[in-house]
Amino acid sequence: MAGHCDMEVDARGLNCPLPILRAKKALATMEAGQVLRVLATDPGSVKDFAAFAKQTGNELMSHGSLAGEDDGAFEFYLRRKP
């Protein structure tokens, strides 16, 4: 889902828990309904972001691998909870 986002966090090259912590910090500065895009290379981030969304009530709108990226990056779109 290459779509609209209000803010982006580049957490490529960072290992757990740093991508989640960066996302949490960014979401705290955003308004309800705004969308955060996170880029991460940690393979565990797929499960981490699903669990994070479930625990915090923020919506994990989509996630997937970035086609053509040599670093194996994943992207996540999270909508800030109301």
C-alpha atoms as a PDB file:
ATOM      1  CA  MET A   1       0.000   0.000   0.000  1.00  0.00           C
ATOM      2  CA  ALA A   2       1.996   2.922  -1.231  1.00  0.00           C
ATOM      3  CA  GLY A   3      -0.395   5.524   0.005  1.00  0.00           C
ATOM      4  CA  HIS A   4      -0.941   8.571   2.092  1.00  0.00           C
ATOM      5  CA  CYS A   5       0.922   8.983   5.329  1.00  0.00           C
ATOM      6  CA  ASP A   6       1.188  11.932   7.689  1.00  0.00           C
ATOM      7  CA  MET A   7       4.569  10.958   9.121  1.00  0.00           C
ATOM      8  CA  GLU A   8       7.315   8.460   8.336  1.00  0.00           C
ATOM      9  CA  VAL A   9       9.824   6.670  10.549  1.00  0.00           C
ATOM     10  CA  ASP A  10      12.873   5.035   8.974  1.00  0.00           C
ATOM     11  CA  ALA A  11      13.955   2.270  11.326  1.00  0.00           C
ATOM     12  CA  ARG A  12      15.956   0.296   8.760  1.00  0.00           C
ATOM     13  CA  GLY A  13      19.052  -1.287  10.287  1.00  0.00           C
ATOM     14  CA  LEU A  14      17.603  -1.194  13.803  1.00  0.00           C
ATOM     15  CA  ASN A  15      16.785  -4.334  15.763  1.00  0.00           C
ATOM     16  CA  CYS A  16      13.955  -5.048  18.177  1.00  0.00           C
ATOM     17  CA  PRO A  17      12.700  -3.176  20.125  1.00  0.00           C
ATOM     18  CA  LEU A  18      13.914   0.028  18.451  1.00  0.00           C
ATOM     19  CA  PRO A  19      11.509   0.060  15.453  1.00  0.00           C
ATOM     20  CA  ILE A  20       8.549  -0.282  17.845  1.00  0.00           C
ATOM     21  CA  LEU A  21       9.918   2.365  20.202  1.00  0.00           C
ATOM     22  CA  ARG A  22      10.455   4.811  17.332  1.00  0.00           C
ATOM     23  CA  ALA A  23       6.909   4.167  16.090  1.00  0.00           C
ATOM     24  CA  LYS A  24       5.466   4.608  19.577  1.00  0.00           C
ATOM     25  CA  LYS A  25       7.267   7.923  19.991  1.00  0.00           C
ATOM     26  CA  ALA A  26       6.054   9.171  16.606  1.00  0.00           C
ATOM     27  CA  LEU A  27       2.451   8.088  17.228  1.00  0.00           C
ATOM     28  CA  ALA A  28       2.467   9.999  20.513  1.00  0.00           C
ATOM     29  CA  THR A  29       2.987  13.239  18.590  1.00  0.00           C
ATOM     30  CA  MET A  30       0.231  12.548  16.042  1.00  0.00           C
ATOM     31  CA  GLU A  31      -3.478  13.287  16.096  1.00  0.00           C
ATOM     32  CA  ALA A  32      -6.183  10.600  16.069  1.00  0.00           C
ATOM     33  CA  GLY A  33      -6.731   9.172  12.603  1.00  0.00           C
ATOM     34  CA  GLN A  34      -3.356  10.225  11.209  1.00  0.00           C
ATOM     35  CA  VAL A  35      -1.271   7.587   9.429  1.00  0.00           C
ATOM     36  CA  LEU A  36       2.316   6.618  10.237  1.00  0.00           C
ATOM     37  CA  ARG A  37       4.525   4.768   7.758  1.00  0.00           C
ATOM     38  CA  VAL A  38       7.379   2.766   9.281  1.00  0.00           C
ATOM     39  CA  LEU A  39      10.272   1.219   7.353  1.00  0.00           C
ATOM     40  CA  ALA A  40      12.130  -1.598   9.101  1.00  0.00           C
ATOM     41  CA  THR A  41      14.551  -4.371   8.186  1.00  0.00           C
ATOM     42  CA  ASP A  42      14.272  -6.494  11.341  1.00  0.00           C
ATOM     43  CA  PRO A  43      12.529  -9.753  10.265  1.00  0.00           C
ATOM     44  CA  GLY A  44      10.831  -9.900  13.663  1.00  0.00           C
ATOM     45  CA  SER A  45       9.181  -6.549  13.066  1.00  0.00           C
ATOM     46  CA  VAL A  46       6.258  -8.190  11.227  1.00  0.00           C
ATOM     47  CA  LYS A  47       5.139 -10.009  14.383  1.00  0.00           C
ATOM     48  CA  ASP A  48       6.196  -7.102  16.598  1.00  0.00           C
ATOM     49  CA  PHE A  49       4.026  -4.540  14.795  1.00  0.00           C
ATOM     50  CA  ALA A  50       1.000  -6.868  14.750  1.00  0.00           C
ATOM     51  CA  ALA A  51       1.324  -7.347  18.523  1.00  0.00           C
ATOM     52  CA  PHE A  52       1.989  -3.632  19.084  1.00  0.00           C
ATOM     53  CA  ALA A  53      -1.170  -2.647  17.198  1.00  0.00           C
ATOM     54  CA  LYS A  54      -3.272  -5.170  19.110  1.00  0.00           C
ATOM     55  CA  GLN A  55      -1.909  -4.043  22.491  1.00  0.00           C
ATOM     56  CA  THR A  56      -2.183  -0.296  21.859  1.00  0.00           C
ATOM     57  CA  GLY A  57      -5.396  -0.086  19.846  1.00  0.00           C
ATOM     58  CA  ASN A  58      -3.687   1.569  16.891  1.00  0.00           C
ATOM     59  CA  GLU A  59      -4.771   0.082  13.552  1.00  0.00           C
ATOM     60  CA  LEU A  60      -2.204  -1.822  11.500  1.00  0.00           C
ATOM     61  CA  MET A  61      -3.641  -0.857   8.123  1.00  0.00           C
ATOM     62  CA  SER A  62      -1.164  -2.798   6.020  1.00  0.00           C
ATOM     63  CA  HIS A  63       2.314  -4.252   5.968  1.00  0.00           C
ATOM     64  CA  GLY A  64       4.525  -5.939   3.460  1.00  0.00           C
ATOM     65  CA  SER A  65       7.916  -6.228   1.845  1.00  0.00           C
ATOM     66  CA  LEU A  66       9.214  -3.402  -0.288  1.00  0.00           C
ATOM     67  CA  ALA A  67       9.686  -4.774  -3.782  1.00  0.00           C
ATOM     68  CA  GLY A  68      13.083  -4.072  -5.252  1.00  0.00           C
ATOM     69  CA  GLU A  69      14.714  -3.163  -1.946  1.00  0.00           C
ATOM     70  CA  ASP A  70      18.104  -4.828  -1.476  1.00  0.00           C
ATOM     71  CA  ASP A  71      18.008  -4.478   2.313  1.00  0.00           C
ATOM     72  CA  GLY A  72      14.891  -6.640   2.753  1.00  0.00           C
ATOM     73  CA  ALA A  73      12.867  -3.731   4.084  1.00  0.00           C
ATOM     74  CA  PHE A  74       9.302  -4.020   5.309  1.00  0.00           C
ATOM     75  CA  GLU A  75       6.817  -1.180   5.448  1.00  0.00           C
ATOM     76  CA  PHE A  76       3.995  -0.747   7.920  1.00  0.00           C
ATOM     77  CA  TYR A  77       1.092   1.680   7.891  1.00  0.00           C
ATOM     78  CA  LEU A  78      -0.420   2.417  11.290  1.00  0.00           C
ATOM     79  CA  ARG A  79      -3.443   4.636  11.943  1.00  0.00           C
ATOM     80  CA  ARG A  80      -3.364   6.523  15.253  1.00  0.00           C
ATOM     81  CA  LYS A  81      -6.144   5.413  17.546  1.00  0.00           C
ATOM     82  CA  PRO A  82      -8.933   7.851  18.452  1.00  0.00           C
END
